[in-house]
Amino acid sequence: MNRKEDIFKGMKEALLKGDKDEAIRLSKLSLDMGINPLDSINRGLTPGIQQVGKLWEEGEYFLPQLVIAAECMKAALKVLEPALSEKGEKKQEIGRVVIGTAEGDIHDIGKTLVATMLSVNGFEIIDLGADVPIIQMVNRAIEEKADLICISALLTTTMPGQKRLIELLREKGIRQKFKVMVGGAPVSLQWAKDIEADSYGENVIEAVSEAKRLVGA
């Protein structure tokens, strides 16, 4: 195995172990070695985060390991992305997502984790945070030319905001322009069907899978 392949393997293992310092070290080393940062992302980091997601689905990894791996990848990307800009390159983006928690709901952790995992899986993320007015979410999706709107609700009292989002898109005559995915603890697949959302993410890995399906990735 050549040195370059060792670097890629080490990056993958760093994510699997949740070793942020190692992920950063290898990212810096790869630049020092003249390795194309895009190769480091596509052949080292991305396979690593995909393997973490697979292990989480299989029940071998738990939520804290998933969160730590995502943070490791974000830290590594911070090292590599400036070098991509210098080369006039950018990591492949498979879709643009506007994401937020419905108005009246201040819960942020689950939404933030989904946003992070979407980002490291190739989506461009516009994270509006928590307690977001529906009109703001729609206007930002229009402004950003988003492919997908993800709206989370962690309270039964804020779930109607998800329905209102879809209604507002219809009122504006732009429902067909955006795919809408809903999620959150009280949200169900049946609720998603009832409000005619395009998809429902039961957990963070399913959200990523569904987002990829919705944009045809």
N, C-alpha and C. Protein backbone atom coordinates (compact mmCIF):
# COMPACT_ATOMS: atom_id res chain seq x y z
N MET A 1 0.85 -1.19 0.00
CA MET A 1 0.00 0.00 0.00
C MET A 1 0.89 1.24 0.00
N ASN A 2 0.58 2.21 -0.88
CA ASN A 2 1.40 3.41 -0.91
C ASN A 2 1.02 4.39 0.20
N ARG A 3 1.85 5.41 0.36
CA ARG A 3 1.67 6.35 1.46
C ARG A 3 0.33 7.08 1.37
N LYS A 4 -0.07 7.42 0.15
CA LYS A 4 -1.34 8.12 -0.03
C LYS A 4 -2.51 7.26 0.48
N GLU A 5 -2.49 5.98 0.12
CA GLU A 5 -3.56 5.09 0.56
C GLU A 5 -3.53 4.93 2.08
N ASP A 6 -2.35 4.98 2.68
CA ASP A 6 -2.25 4.93 4.14
C ASP A 6 -2.95 6.13 4.78
N ILE A 7 -2.77 7.29 4.16
CA ILE A 7 -3.42 8.50 4.67
C ILE A 7 -4.93 8.36 4.61
N PHE A 8 -5.44 7.89 3.47
CA PHE A 8 -6.89 7.74 3.32
C PHE A 8 -7.44 6.73 4.35
N LYS A 9 -6.72 5.64 4.51
CA LYS A 9 -7.15 4.62 5.48
C LYS A 9 -7.14 5.19 6.89
N GLY A 10 -6.10 5.97 7.20
CA GLY A 10 -6.00 6.58 8.53
C GLY A 10 -7.12 7.56 8.80
N MET A 11 -7.51 8.32 7.78
CA MET A 11 -8.63 9.27 7.93
C MET A 11 -9.92 8.53 8.26
N LYS A 12 -10.15 7.46 7.52
CA LYS A 12 -11.35 6.66 7.76
C LYS A 12 -11.36 6.11 9.18
N GLU A 13 -10.22 5.57 9.62
CA GLU A 13 -10.12 5.00 10.96
C GLU A 13 -10.27 6.07 12.04
N ALA A 14 -9.78 7.29 11.76
CA ALA A 14 -9.90 8.37 12.73
C ALA A 14 -11.37 8.69 12.99
N LEU A 15 -12.18 8.68 11.93
CA LEU A 15 -13.61 8.94 12.10
C LEU A 15 -14.28 7.79 12.84
N LEU A 16 -13.89 6.57 12.51
CA LEU A 16 -14.49 5.41 13.17
C LEU A 16 -14.15 5.39 14.67
N LYS A 17 -12.97 5.90 15.02
CA LYS A 17 -12.55 5.93 16.42
C LYS A 17 -12.97 7.22 17.13
N GLY A 18 -13.45 8.19 16.36
CA GLY A 18 -13.82 9.47 16.95
C GLY A 18 -12.61 10.27 17.41
N ASP A 19 -11.52 10.15 16.69
CA ASP A 19 -10.26 10.80 17.06
C ASP A 19 -10.09 12.09 16.24
N LYS A 20 -10.59 13.19 16.80
CA LYS A 20 -10.55 14.46 16.07
C LYS A 20 -9.12 14.93 15.82
N ASP A 21 -8.27 14.81 16.81
CA ASP A 21 -6.88 15.26 16.65
C ASP A 21 -6.19 14.52 15.50
N GLU A 22 -6.46 13.22 15.40
CA GLU A 22 -5.84 12.43 14.32
C GLU A 22 -6.41 12.82 12.97
N ALA A 23 -7.72 13.07 12.93
CA ALA A 23 -8.34 13.49 11.67
C ALA A 23 -7.74 14.81 11.18
N ILE A 24 -7.51 15.72 12.11
CA ILE A 24 -6.90 17.01 11.77
C ILE A 24 -5.45 16.82 11.34
N ARG A 25 -4.72 16.00 12.10
CA ARG A 25 -3.30 15.77 11.80
C ARG A 25 -3.12 15.18 10.40
N LEU A 26 -3.93 14.19 10.08
CA LEU A 26 -3.81 13.54 8.78
C LEU A 26 -4.23 14.48 7.64
N SER A 27 -5.20 15.33 7.93
CA SER A 27 -5.62 16.30 6.91
C SER A 27 -4.49 17.27 6.60
N LYS A 28 -3.81 17.75 7.64
CA LYS A 28 -2.68 18.65 7.45
C LYS A 28 -1.53 17.93 6.75
N LEU A 29 -1.29 16.68 7.15
CA LEU A 29 -0.22 15.90 6.54
C LEU A 29 -0.49 15.66 5.06
N SER A 30 -1.74 15.42 4.73
CA SER A 30 -2.09 15.17 3.33
C SER A 30 -1.79 16.40 2.47
N LEU A 31 -2.03 17.58 3.02
CA LEU A 31 -1.71 18.80 2.28
C LEU A 31 -0.20 18.97 2.14
N ASP A 32 0.51 18.67 3.21
CA ASP A 32 1.98 18.76 3.16
C ASP A 32 2.55 17.80 2.11
N MET A 33 1.88 16.67 1.92
CA MET A 33 2.34 15.67 0.95
C MET A 33 1.91 15.99 -0.48
N GLY A 34 1.10 17.05 -0.61
CA GLY A 34 0.64 17.42 -1.94
C GLY A 34 -0.53 16.60 -2.45
N ILE A 35 -1.20 15.90 -1.55
CA ILE A 35 -2.38 15.12 -1.95
C ILE A 35 -3.53 16.07 -2.23
N ASN A 36 -4.22 15.84 -3.33
CA ASN A 36 -5.37 16.66 -3.68
C ASN A 36 -6.40 16.58 -2.56
N PRO A 37 -6.79 17.73 -1.99
CA PRO A 37 -7.74 17.69 -0.88
C PRO A 37 -9.07 17.04 -1.24
N LEU A 38 -9.44 17.14 -2.51
CA LEU A 38 -10.68 16.50 -2.95
C LEU A 38 -10.57 14.98 -2.83
N ASP A 39 -9.38 14.44 -3.11
CA ASP A 39 -9.16 13.00 -2.95
C ASP A 39 -9.25 12.60 -1.48
N SER A 40 -8.70 13.46 -0.62
CA SER A 40 -8.76 13.16 0.82
C SER A 40 -10.20 13.10 1.31
N ILE A 41 -11.02 14.00 0.79
CA ILE A 41 -12.44 14.01 1.18
C ILE A 41 -13.17 12.80 0.62
N ASN A 42 -12.99 12.57 -0.68
CA ASN A 42 -13.76 11.52 -1.36
C ASN A 42 -13.29 10.10 -1.05
N ARG A 43 -11.98 9.95 -0.73
CA ARG A 43 -11.43 8.60 -0.55
C ARG A 43 -11.07 8.29 0.91
N GLY A 44 -11.06 9.32 1.75
CA GLY A 44 -10.73 9.11 3.15
C GLY A 44 -11.88 9.43 4.09
N LEU A 45 -12.30 10.68 4.08
CA LEU A 45 -13.31 11.12 5.03
C LEU A 45 -14.71 10.60 4.72
N THR A 46 -15.10 10.70 3.46
CA THR A 46 -16.47 10.29 3.10
C THR A 46 -16.71 8.80 3.36
N PRO A 47 -15.80 7.90 2.95
CA PRO A 47 -16.01 6.48 3.29
C PRO A 47 -16.07 6.26 4.80
N GLY A 48 -15.32 7.07 5.55
CA GLY A 48 -15.34 6.94 7.00
C GLY A 48 -16.69 7.27 7.60
N ILE A 49 -17.25 8.42 7.20
CA ILE A 49 -18.53 8.82 7.77
C ILE A 49 -19.65 7.91 7.29
N GLN A 50 -19.51 7.38 6.07
CA GLN A 50 -20.51 6.43 5.58
C GLN A 50 -20.48 5.13 6.38
N GLN A 51 -19.28 4.68 6.75
CA GLN A 51 -19.15 3.48 7.56
C GLN A 51 -19.70 3.69 8.96
N VAL A 52 -19.48 4.88 9.51
CA VAL A 52 -20.05 5.21 10.83
C VAL A 52 -21.57 5.13 10.76
N GLY A 53 -22.14 5.70 9.72
CA GLY A 53 -23.60 5.66 9.56
C GLY A 53 -24.12 4.24 9.45
N LYS A 54 -23.39 3.40 8.73
CA LYS A 54 -23.80 2.00 8.58
C LYS A 54 -23.76 1.27 9.92
N LEU A 55 -22.70 1.52 10.70
CA LEU A 55 -22.58 0.88 12.01
C LEU A 55 -23.67 1.36 12.96
N TRP A 56 -24.06 2.62 12.82
CA TRP A 56 -25.14 3.15 13.65
C TRP A 56 -26.45 2.47 13.29
N GLU A 57 -26.69 2.30 12.00
CA GLU A 57 -27.91 1.62 11.55
C GLU A 57 -27.96 0.19 12.06
N GLU A 58 -26.80 -0.45 12.12
CA GLU A 58 -26.73 -1.86 12.53
C GLU A 58 -26.74 -2.01 14.05
N GLY A 59 -26.75 -0.91 14.77
CA GLY A 59 -26.80 -0.95 16.23
C GLY A 59 -25.47 -1.16 16.91
N GLU A 60 -24.37 -1.12 16.13
CA GLU A 60 -23.04 -1.28 16.72
C GLU A 60 -22.51 0.03 17.28
N TYR A 61 -22.94 1.13 16.70
CA TYR A 61 -22.58 2.46 17.19
C TYR A 61 -23.83 3.11 17.76
N PHE A 62 -23.62 4.06 18.68
CA PHE A 62 -24.73 4.77 19.30
C PHE A 62 -24.63 6.26 18.99
N LEU A 63 -25.64 7.00 19.38
CA LEU A 63 -25.74 8.41 19.02
C LEU A 63 -24.48 9.22 19.37
N PRO A 64 -23.90 9.06 20.57
CA PRO A 64 -22.69 9.84 20.87
C PRO A 64 -21.56 9.59 19.87
N GLN A 65 -21.39 8.34 19.44
CA GLN A 65 -20.34 8.02 18.47
C GLN A 65 -20.62 8.67 17.12
N LEU A 66 -21.90 8.73 16.76
CA LEU A 66 -22.30 9.37 15.51
C LEU A 66 -21.99 10.86 15.56
N VAL A 67 -22.33 11.49 16.68
CA VAL A 67 -22.08 12.93 16.85
C VAL A 67 -20.58 13.23 16.80
N ILE A 68 -19.79 12.42 17.51
CA ILE A 68 -18.35 12.64 17.56
C ILE A 68 -17.72 12.46 16.18
N ALA A 69 -18.15 11.45 15.45
CA ALA A 69 -17.61 11.22 14.11
C ALA A 69 -17.92 12.40 13.19
N ALA A 70 -19.13 12.93 13.30
CA ALA A 70 -19.51 14.09 12.49
C ALA A 70 -18.64 15.30 12.83
N GLU A 71 -18.35 15.48 14.12
CA GLU A 71 -17.50 16.59 14.54
C GLU A 71 -16.07 16.41 14.03
N CYS A 72 -15.59 15.17 14.03
CA CYS A 72 -14.26 14.88 13.49
C CYS A 72 -14.19 15.26 12.01
N MET A 73 -15.23 14.91 11.27
CA MET A 73 -15.21 15.21 9.84
C MET A 73 -15.28 16.70 9.61
N LYS A 74 -16.10 17.40 10.38
CA LYS A 74 -16.19 18.85 10.23
C LYS A 74 -14.83 19.50 10.49
N ALA A 75 -14.13 19.02 11.50
CA ALA A 75 -12.82 19.58 11.84
C ALA A 75 -11.82 19.33 10.71
N ALA A 76 -11.86 18.14 10.13
CA ALA A 76 -10.97 17.81 9.03
C ALA A 76 -11.28 18.66 7.79
N LEU A 77 -12.57 18.87 7.54
CA LEU A 77 -12.97 19.67 6.39
C LEU A 77 -12.51 21.12 6.52
N LYS A 78 -12.47 21.62 7.75
CA LYS A 78 -11.99 22.98 7.96
C LYS A 78 -10.53 23.14 7.55
N VAL A 79 -9.78 22.06 7.67
CA VAL A 79 -8.38 22.07 7.24
C VAL A 79 -8.29 21.99 5.71
N LEU A 80 -9.11 21.15 5.12
CA LEU A 80 -8.98 20.85 3.69
C LEU A 80 -9.68 21.86 2.77
N GLU A 81 -10.79 22.42 3.21
CA GLU A 81 -11.59 23.25 2.31
C GLU A 81 -10.88 24.53 1.84
N PRO A 82 -10.08 25.20 2.68
CA PRO A 82 -9.34 26.37 2.15
C PRO A 82 -8.41 26.00 1.01
N ALA A 83 -7.82 24.81 1.09
CA ALA A 83 -6.94 24.34 0.00
C ALA A 83 -7.74 24.06 -1.26
N LEU A 84 -8.98 23.61 -1.10
CA LEU A 84 -9.84 23.40 -2.27
C LEU A 84 -10.11 24.72 -2.97
N SER A 85 -10.39 25.76 -2.18
CA SER A 85 -10.66 27.08 -2.75
C SER A 85 -9.47 27.60 -3.52
N GLU A 86 -8.27 27.38 -2.97
CA GLU A 86 -7.06 27.84 -3.64
C GLU A 86 -6.86 27.15 -4.99
N LYS A 87 -7.31 25.91 -5.06
CA LYS A 87 -7.17 25.15 -6.30
C LYS A 87 -8.32 25.40 -7.26
N GLY A 88 -9.29 26.21 -6.78
CA GLY A 88 -10.46 26.47 -7.62
C GLY A 88 -11.39 25.28 -7.68
N GLU A 89 -11.28 24.40 -6.70
CA GLU A 89 -12.13 23.21 -6.65
C GLU A 89 -13.07 23.32 -5.46
N LYS A 90 -14.04 22.47 -5.42
CA LYS A 90 -14.92 22.38 -4.26
C LYS A 90 -15.43 20.96 -4.15
N LYS A 91 -15.74 20.57 -2.93
CA LYS A 91 -16.26 19.22 -2.77
C LYS A 91 -17.63 19.13 -3.43
N GLN A 92 -17.94 17.97 -3.91
CA GLN A 92 -19.18 17.76 -4.64
C GLN A 92 -20.37 18.04 -3.73
N GLU A 93 -21.29 18.85 -4.22
CA GLU A 93 -22.52 19.14 -3.49
C GLU A 93 -23.68 18.53 -4.25
N ILE A 94 -24.46 17.75 -3.57
CA ILE A 94 -25.53 17.02 -4.25
C ILE A 94 -26.89 17.69 -4.10
N GLY A 95 -26.94 18.75 -3.31
CA GLY A 95 -28.20 19.46 -3.14
C GLY A 95 -28.07 20.56 -2.11
N ARG A 96 -29.00 21.50 -2.16
CA ARG A 96 -28.99 22.63 -1.22
C ARG A 96 -30.21 22.51 -0.30
N VAL A 97 -29.96 22.62 0.99
CA VAL A 97 -31.01 22.37 1.99
C VAL A 97 -31.18 23.58 2.90
N VAL A 98 -32.43 24.03 3.04
CA VAL A 98 -32.79 24.99 4.09
C VAL A 98 -33.41 24.18 5.21
N ILE A 99 -32.87 24.34 6.42
CA ILE A 99 -33.34 23.53 7.56
C ILE A 99 -33.57 24.41 8.77
N GLY A 100 -34.58 24.07 9.56
CA GLY A 100 -34.85 24.81 10.78
C GLY A 100 -35.90 24.09 11.61
N THR A 101 -36.04 24.55 12.85
CA THR A 101 -37.08 24.05 13.75
C THR A 101 -38.26 25.00 13.70
N ALA A 102 -39.46 24.44 13.71
CA ALA A 102 -40.67 25.24 13.52
C ALA A 102 -40.83 26.34 14.57
N GLU A 103 -41.52 27.39 14.17
CA GLU A 103 -41.77 28.52 15.05
C GLU A 103 -42.44 28.09 16.35
N GLY A 104 -41.95 28.62 17.47
CA GLY A 104 -42.49 28.27 18.78
C GLY A 104 -41.76 27.13 19.44
N ASP A 105 -40.79 26.55 18.72
CA ASP A 105 -40.05 25.38 19.21
C ASP A 105 -38.57 25.74 19.31
N ILE A 106 -38.02 25.70 20.51
CA ILE A 106 -36.62 26.12 20.70
C ILE A 106 -35.65 24.94 20.71
N HIS A 107 -36.15 23.74 20.49
CA HIS A 107 -35.29 22.56 20.48
C HIS A 107 -34.40 22.56 19.24
N ASP A 108 -33.14 22.30 19.43
CA ASP A 108 -32.17 22.51 18.37
C ASP A 108 -31.22 21.34 18.12
N ILE A 109 -31.06 20.48 19.12
CA ILE A 109 -30.00 19.47 19.03
C ILE A 109 -30.21 18.49 17.89
N GLY A 110 -31.41 17.91 17.81
CA GLY A 110 -31.68 16.93 16.75
C GLY A 110 -31.55 17.54 15.37
N LYS A 111 -32.11 18.73 15.21
CA LYS A 111 -32.04 19.43 13.93
C LYS A 111 -30.60 19.72 13.53
N THR A 112 -29.81 20.14 14.52
CA THR A 112 -28.41 20.46 14.25
C THR A 112 -27.63 19.22 13.85
N LEU A 113 -27.92 18.09 14.46
CA LEU A 113 -27.24 16.85 14.10
C LEU A 113 -27.60 16.44 12.68
N VAL A 114 -28.86 16.55 12.32
CA VAL A 114 -29.28 16.24 10.95
C VAL A 114 -28.57 17.17 9.97
N ALA A 115 -28.51 18.46 10.30
CA ALA A 115 -27.84 19.43 9.42
C ALA A 115 -26.37 19.06 9.25
N THR A 116 -25.72 18.68 10.34
CA THR A 116 -24.31 18.30 10.28
C THR A 116 -24.10 17.08 9.40
N MET A 117 -24.92 16.07 9.58
CA MET A 117 -24.77 14.84 8.81
C MET A 117 -25.10 15.06 7.33
N LEU A 118 -26.07 15.91 7.06
CA LEU A 118 -26.36 16.24 5.66
C LEU A 118 -25.17 16.95 5.03
N SER A 119 -24.56 17.85 5.80
CA SER A 119 -23.41 18.60 5.30
C SER A 119 -22.25 17.67 4.96
N VAL A 120 -21.92 16.77 5.87
CA VAL A 120 -20.77 15.90 5.62
C VAL A 120 -21.06 14.84 4.58
N ASN A 121 -22.34 14.70 4.22
CA ASN A 121 -22.70 13.77 3.15
C ASN A 121 -22.90 14.48 1.81
N GLY A 122 -22.46 15.74 1.73
CA GLY A 122 -22.42 16.39 0.43
C GLY A 122 -23.45 17.45 0.15
N PHE A 123 -24.31 17.77 1.12
CA PHE A 123 -25.31 18.80 0.92
C PHE A 123 -24.78 20.16 1.37
N GLU A 124 -25.21 21.21 0.68
CA GLU A 124 -24.95 22.57 1.16
C GLU A 124 -26.09 22.93 2.11
N ILE A 125 -25.74 23.37 3.31
CA ILE A 125 -26.74 23.57 4.35
C ILE A 125 -26.91 25.06 4.67
N ILE A 126 -28.17 25.49 4.70
CA ILE A 126 -28.52 26.81 5.21
C ILE A 126 -29.36 26.54 6.46
N ASP A 127 -28.70 26.62 7.63
CA ASP A 127 -29.34 26.29 8.91
C ASP A 127 -29.89 27.56 9.53
N LEU A 128 -31.21 27.65 9.63
CA LEU A 128 -31.86 28.84 10.16
C LEU A 128 -32.05 28.78 11.67
N GLY A 129 -31.66 27.67 12.29
CA GLY A 129 -31.74 27.56 13.73
C GLY A 129 -33.11 27.09 14.21
N ALA A 130 -33.46 27.51 15.42
CA ALA A 130 -34.73 27.09 16.03
C ALA A 130 -35.72 28.26 16.05
N ASP A 131 -37.00 27.91 16.29
CA ASP A 131 -38.05 28.92 16.41
C ASP A 131 -38.11 29.81 15.16
N VAL A 132 -38.18 29.16 14.00
CA VAL A 132 -38.12 29.88 12.73
C VAL A 132 -39.53 30.12 12.17
N PRO A 133 -39.91 31.37 11.93
CA PRO A 133 -41.20 31.63 11.29
C PRO A 133 -41.29 30.95 9.93
N ILE A 134 -42.44 30.41 9.62
CA ILE A 134 -42.62 29.66 8.38
C ILE A 134 -42.33 30.53 7.16
N ILE A 135 -42.78 31.78 7.18
CA ILE A 135 -42.55 32.66 6.05
C ILE A 135 -41.06 32.89 5.82
N GLN A 136 -40.29 32.95 6.91
CA GLN A 136 -38.84 33.12 6.79
C GLN A 136 -38.21 31.91 6.12
N MET A 137 -38.69 30.73 6.49
CA MET A 137 -38.15 29.50 5.92
C MET A 137 -38.45 29.43 4.42
N VAL A 138 -39.66 29.79 4.05
CA VAL A 138 -40.04 29.76 2.64
C VAL A 138 -39.26 30.80 1.84
N ASN A 139 -39.19 32.01 2.37
CA ASN A 139 -38.47 33.07 1.66
C ASN A 139 -37.00 32.74 1.47
N ARG A 140 -36.40 32.12 2.50
CA ARG A 140 -34.99 31.77 2.40
C ARG A 140 -34.78 30.65 1.38
N ALA A 141 -35.72 29.73 1.32
CA ALA A 141 -35.62 28.65 0.33
C ALA A 141 -35.68 29.22 -1.08
N ILE A 142 -36.54 30.21 -1.28
CA ILE A 142 -36.64 30.87 -2.58
C ILE A 142 -35.33 31.59 -2.90
N GLU A 143 -34.85 32.36 -1.93
CA GLU A 143 -33.63 33.16 -2.10
C GLU A 143 -32.42 32.28 -2.41
N GLU A 144 -32.32 31.15 -1.71
CA GLU A 144 -31.15 30.28 -1.85
C GLU A 144 -31.29 29.27 -2.99
N LYS A 145 -32.46 29.28 -3.63
CA LYS A 145 -32.74 28.29 -4.68
C LYS A 145 -32.51 26.87 -4.15
N ALA A 146 -33.10 26.61 -3.00
CA ALA A 146 -32.93 25.33 -2.32
C ALA A 146 -33.62 24.20 -3.09
N ASP A 147 -33.09 23.01 -2.91
CA ASP A 147 -33.73 21.82 -3.46
C ASP A 147 -34.70 21.21 -2.44
N LEU A 148 -34.35 21.39 -1.18
CA LEU A 148 -35.04 20.68 -0.11
C LEU A 148 -35.23 21.59 1.11
N ILE A 149 -36.42 21.53 1.71
CA ILE A 149 -36.69 22.22 2.96
C ILE A 149 -36.93 21.16 4.03
N CYS A 150 -36.14 21.21 5.11
CA CYS A 150 -36.31 20.28 6.21
C CYS A 150 -36.81 21.06 7.42
N ILE A 151 -37.95 20.65 7.95
CA ILE A 151 -38.53 21.35 9.10
C ILE A 151 -38.79 20.37 10.23
N SER A 152 -38.20 20.67 11.38
CA SER A 152 -38.31 19.80 12.55
C SER A 152 -39.32 20.37 13.54
N ALA A 153 -39.99 19.50 14.25
CA ALA A 153 -40.90 19.90 15.32
C ALA A 153 -40.73 18.91 16.47
N LEU A 154 -40.37 19.41 17.62
CA LEU A 154 -40.17 18.54 18.78
C LEU A 154 -41.33 18.59 19.76
N LEU A 155 -42.33 19.38 19.44
CA LEU A 155 -43.52 19.51 20.28
C LEU A 155 -44.76 19.28 19.43
N THR A 156 -45.76 18.65 20.02
CA THR A 156 -47.01 18.45 19.28
C THR A 156 -47.65 19.79 18.93
N THR A 157 -47.41 20.80 19.76
CA THR A 157 -48.00 22.12 19.52
C THR A 157 -47.36 22.86 18.35
N THR A 158 -46.16 22.43 17.94
CA THR A 158 -45.50 23.10 16.81
C THR A 158 -45.55 22.27 15.53
N MET A 159 -46.06 21.06 15.62
CA MET A 159 -46.21 20.24 14.42
C MET A 159 -47.06 20.91 13.34
N PRO A 160 -48.12 21.64 13.69
CA PRO A 160 -48.92 22.29 12.64
C PRO A 160 -48.11 23.25 11.76
N GLY A 161 -46.96 23.71 12.28
CA GLY A 161 -46.10 24.56 11.47
C GLY A 161 -45.60 23.84 10.23
N GLN A 162 -45.41 22.54 10.33
CA GLN A 162 -44.98 21.76 9.17
C GLN A 162 -46.07 21.74 8.10
N LYS A 163 -47.30 21.59 8.55
CA LYS A 163 -48.43 21.62 7.62
C LYS A 163 -48.57 22.99 6.99
N ARG A 164 -48.39 24.03 7.81
CA ARG A 164 -48.53 25.40 7.32
C ARG A 164 -47.46 25.73 6.27
N LEU A 165 -46.27 25.17 6.44
CA LEU A 165 -45.21 25.39 5.47
C LEU A 165 -45.62 24.90 4.09
N ILE A 166 -46.17 23.72 4.04
CA ILE A 166 -46.60 23.14 2.76
C ILE A 166 -47.76 23.93 2.18
N GLU A 167 -48.68 24.36 3.05
CA GLU A 167 -49.80 25.18 2.59
C GLU A 167 -49.33 26.50 2.00
N LEU A 168 -48.33 27.11 2.65
CA LEU A 168 -47.81 28.39 2.17
C LEU A 168 -47.13 28.24 0.81
N LEU A 169 -46.42 27.15 0.63
CA LEU A 169 -45.80 26.90 -0.67
C LEU A 169 -46.87 26.78 -1.75
N ARG A 170 -47.98 26.14 -1.42
CA ARG A 170 -49.07 26.01 -2.39
C ARG A 170 -49.69 27.38 -2.69
N GLU A 171 -49.91 28.16 -1.61
CA GLU A 171 -50.52 29.48 -1.79
C GLU A 171 -49.67 30.36 -2.71
N LYS A 172 -48.37 30.19 -2.63
CA LYS A 172 -47.46 30.98 -3.45
C LYS A 172 -47.26 30.37 -4.85
N GLY A 173 -47.85 29.21 -5.07
CA GLY A 173 -47.73 28.56 -6.37
C GLY A 173 -46.36 27.98 -6.65
N ILE A 174 -45.63 27.63 -5.56
CA ILE A 174 -44.26 27.13 -5.73
C ILE A 174 -44.06 25.77 -5.05
N ARG A 175 -45.14 25.07 -4.76
CA ARG A 175 -45.00 23.80 -4.06
C ARG A 175 -44.10 22.84 -4.83
N GLN A 176 -44.20 22.86 -6.16
CA GLN A 176 -43.44 21.90 -6.97
C GLN A 176 -41.95 22.22 -7.01
N LYS A 177 -41.56 23.41 -6.56
CA LYS A 177 -40.15 23.80 -6.63
C LYS A 177 -39.29 23.17 -5.53
N PHE A 178 -39.92 22.77 -4.44
CA PHE A 178 -39.17 22.29 -3.29
C PHE A 178 -39.69 20.95 -2.78
N LYS A 179 -38.76 20.07 -2.43
CA LYS A 179 -39.11 18.87 -1.69
C LYS A 179 -39.13 19.25 -0.20
N VAL A 180 -40.07 18.70 0.53
CA VAL A 180 -40.20 19.01 1.95
C VAL A 180 -40.08 17.73 2.77
N MET A 181 -39.13 17.74 3.72
CA MET A 181 -38.98 16.61 4.63
C MET A 181 -39.27 17.08 6.05
N VAL A 182 -40.05 16.31 6.77
CA VAL A 182 -40.40 16.64 8.15
C VAL A 182 -39.80 15.62 9.11
N GLY A 183 -39.60 16.04 10.35
CA GLY A 183 -39.06 15.15 11.36
C GLY A 183 -39.26 15.73 12.75
N GLY A 184 -38.83 14.96 13.76
CA GLY A 184 -38.99 15.37 15.14
C GLY A 184 -39.66 14.28 15.95
N ALA A 185 -39.44 14.31 17.24
CA ALA A 185 -39.90 13.22 18.12
C ALA A 185 -41.39 12.87 17.98
N PRO A 186 -42.31 13.83 17.94
CA PRO A 186 -43.73 13.46 17.86
C PRO A 186 -44.21 13.21 16.44
N VAL A 187 -43.36 13.46 15.46
CA VAL A 187 -43.75 13.36 14.05
C VAL A 187 -43.71 11.89 13.61
N SER A 188 -44.65 11.52 12.78
CA SER A 188 -44.72 10.13 12.29
C SER A 188 -44.85 10.11 10.78
N LEU A 189 -44.66 8.93 10.23
CA LEU A 189 -44.83 8.75 8.79
C LEU A 189 -46.26 9.07 8.38
N GLN A 190 -47.21 8.69 9.21
CA GLN A 190 -48.62 8.97 8.90
C GLN A 190 -48.88 10.46 8.85
N TRP A 191 -48.29 11.21 9.80
CA TRP A 191 -48.43 12.67 9.82
C TRP A 191 -47.85 13.26 8.53
N ALA A 192 -46.70 12.77 8.13
CA ALA A 192 -46.07 13.26 6.90
C ALA A 192 -46.99 13.02 5.70
N LYS A 193 -47.62 11.85 5.66
CA LYS A 193 -48.55 11.55 4.57
C LYS A 193 -49.78 12.45 4.64
N ASP A 194 -50.28 12.67 5.85
CA ASP A 194 -51.49 13.48 6.03
C ASP A 194 -51.30 14.90 5.54
N ILE A 195 -50.12 15.47 5.78
CA ILE A 195 -49.88 16.86 5.38
C ILE A 195 -49.25 16.95 3.98
N GLU A 196 -49.06 15.78 3.36
CA GLU A 196 -48.51 15.68 2.00
C GLU A 196 -47.09 16.21 1.90
N ALA A 197 -46.28 15.90 2.93
CA ALA A 197 -44.84 16.16 2.85
C ALA A 197 -44.25 15.15 1.88
N ASP A 198 -43.07 15.46 1.35
CA ASP A 198 -42.44 14.55 0.40
C ASP A 198 -41.73 13.41 1.09
N SER A 199 -41.35 13.63 2.36
CA SER A 199 -40.61 12.58 3.06
C SER A 199 -40.64 12.83 4.56
N TYR A 200 -40.22 11.78 5.28
CA TYR A 200 -40.17 11.82 6.74
C TYR A 200 -38.88 11.14 7.18
N GLY A 201 -38.12 11.83 8.03
CA GLY A 201 -36.90 11.25 8.57
C GLY A 201 -37.09 10.83 10.01
N GLU A 202 -37.15 9.52 10.24
CA GLU A 202 -37.39 9.03 11.60
C GLU A 202 -36.18 9.26 12.49
N ASN A 203 -34.98 9.20 11.91
CA ASN A 203 -33.75 9.44 12.65
C ASN A 203 -32.74 10.08 11.70
N VAL A 204 -31.57 10.40 12.23
CA VAL A 204 -30.62 11.17 11.43
C VAL A 204 -30.13 10.41 10.20
N ILE A 205 -29.90 9.12 10.31
CA ILE A 205 -29.42 8.35 9.16
C ILE A 205 -30.51 8.23 8.10
N GLU A 206 -31.73 8.01 8.55
CA GLU A 206 -32.84 7.93 7.59
C GLU A 206 -33.04 9.28 6.92
N ALA A 207 -32.85 10.37 7.67
CA ALA A 207 -32.99 11.71 7.09
C ALA A 207 -31.99 11.92 5.96
N VAL A 208 -30.76 11.48 6.17
CA VAL A 208 -29.74 11.61 5.12
C VAL A 208 -30.12 10.76 3.90
N SER A 209 -30.53 9.53 4.16
CA SER A 209 -30.92 8.62 3.09
C SER A 209 -32.08 9.19 2.29
N GLU A 210 -33.07 9.71 2.99
CA GLU A 210 -34.24 10.26 2.32
C GLU A 210 -33.90 11.53 1.55
N ALA A 211 -33.02 12.36 2.13
CA ALA A 211 -32.62 13.59 1.43
C ALA A 211 -31.92 13.24 0.12
N LYS A 212 -31.07 12.23 0.15
CA LYS A 212 -30.38 11.80 -1.07
C LYS A 212 -31.39 11.29 -2.10
N ARG A 213 -32.36 10.53 -1.62
CA ARG A 213 -33.38 10.01 -2.54
C ARG A 213 -34.17 11.15 -3.19
N LEU A 214 -34.50 12.15 -2.40
CA LEU A 214 -35.32 13.25 -2.90
C LEU A 214 -34.61 14.08 -3.97
N VAL A 215 -33.29 14.16 -3.88
CA VAL A 215 -32.55 14.94 -4.89
C VAL A 215 -31.97 14.03 -5.98
N GLY A 216 -32.28 12.74 -5.90
CA GLY A 216 -31.83 11.82 -6.92
C GLY A 216 -30.36 11.48 -6.84
N ALA A 217 -29.79 11.55 -5.62
CA ALA A 217 -28.35 11.26 -5.46
C ALA A 217 -28.13 9.79 -5.13
